[in-house]
Amino acid sequence: KTKIKHANNNRCKHNPSRSNMGDDRMEALTVETIVSVIDDVCLRMNENSGLGWCFEAAKSDHFAATGQSKVSDADASRLYGIVAKDNAGKKECLATFYLAYSTWDGRVLFRDYCSSNTEKSSELDAFPSSFWYYVLANVTVGLNCARLVWTHYGAQDDFPATEILQPERLIGWLTLSWSIDAMKKFGGIETKASSNHEESNTKYAFESALGKQSASRDAFRLRLAATEGDINDISRLVVGLAAYENMQDSVNIGPDQLAADSRHAKDMPLFYCILIDSVEDNHTCGMAFCYVGVCLQAGRFLYLEDLFLQTEYRGKGGGKTVMKALARLSQSLGVSCMKWQALDWNAPALNFYNKIGAKVDQGLETSRIAGQQLVDFARNPQP
């Protein structure tokens, strides 16, 4: 089986309190909206004079100053950040984040990089890294995201947990990374990367990669979701995936938001969905749900959130067909790698991933806060 998210895996999904997550949830996000929310959060933090720090939106120069940035100028608009400066002007710290997407919950804010010791003076206490969660929780709620998510190695999680506030740790989930070199070996095709990462070229990369199938032999056709009817197919498949995993009540997203965050968000879609059509009966029987992310230390990457095929269409090579298309796509997009998650007990899937050259990031764990817990945390006057 090549299914990324396996059935009956008891994966935890949240049921956020939508009434507390903002009134503009169905509106498409723009870069201007995101920047406005960040500026508003910084302003509110600065009004709390007792914090001893001044906050402002980060610029590309701040990314470069870390000495670790692999973010291109073309991708700078996909990575966001906040800079904290002490009132004496002797210390400056940085947190970066990007927008991810959940098949079942929609918008997600992913904490990327946090610096608490970019020191100009050793005389001052370091900015508490735990405070960044409070700041980013406010941005998360302001952008109507369902979750704040971060990764860490083992017990190195610095979230300020209390008896009341306990983030969820995704026990048993493994993060896999597929390098471009491994993709080339698996797909047998080397595709030239585009140096232009504008949205029109991103869509062209999808369409080009999906158009290079060996149609005479494949049992499936792949296409990029684009129409209102396609959005309805995605919604149907999301519900089908939830039903297959016996977690129907965990779906908190419908066609309206899917449309707002994809086909209506022309300048900045938050996700892309490859639909899988059966050649035999022309039925849309599966999907590969993914998004393009940008992180400070690795640059642009492709994340595969879900790969799902309806039960009666499995065993015909659909998963392998999709993975080959994603390998071509990743090369065309010029990403550093493709990432996804799988369960540690799913030996058949892990064996397949190992054969195609994907590597497990050993020890890396994922944690998150969501729903009412997220909203309550963001509302607290102090972290």
Foldseek 3Di string as FASTA:
>chain_A
DQWFEDAQPPFDFDDFPLVQLDDPLLAADDLVLLQVLLQVLQVLVVVPVVVQKHKDKDDVVVLVVVVQFPADPLCRSFKTKMWIAGPVRFDIWMWIWGWAAALQFGIEIETFDTDFPRGSDPPDDTDQRLQVLLSVLSSCSSNSGFKYKYKDFAPPDSHPDDPVFDWDWRPQKWKKWAFLVLLCVLLVDFDAADPRQFLVLLQVLLQVLQVPDPVVQAQKHKDKDADLVSLQVSQVVSCVSCVSNPNNVSRDDHSSNQCNQANVNSRHRNKIKIFIAGPVPRDRFWIFIWGWHQHGNFGIEIETNTTDGPPVPPPRCPSSSVSSSVSSSRNHNVGRIYMYMHGNVPVVNVVVCVVSPMDTPPRMIMIMDGHPSSSVSNPDPGD
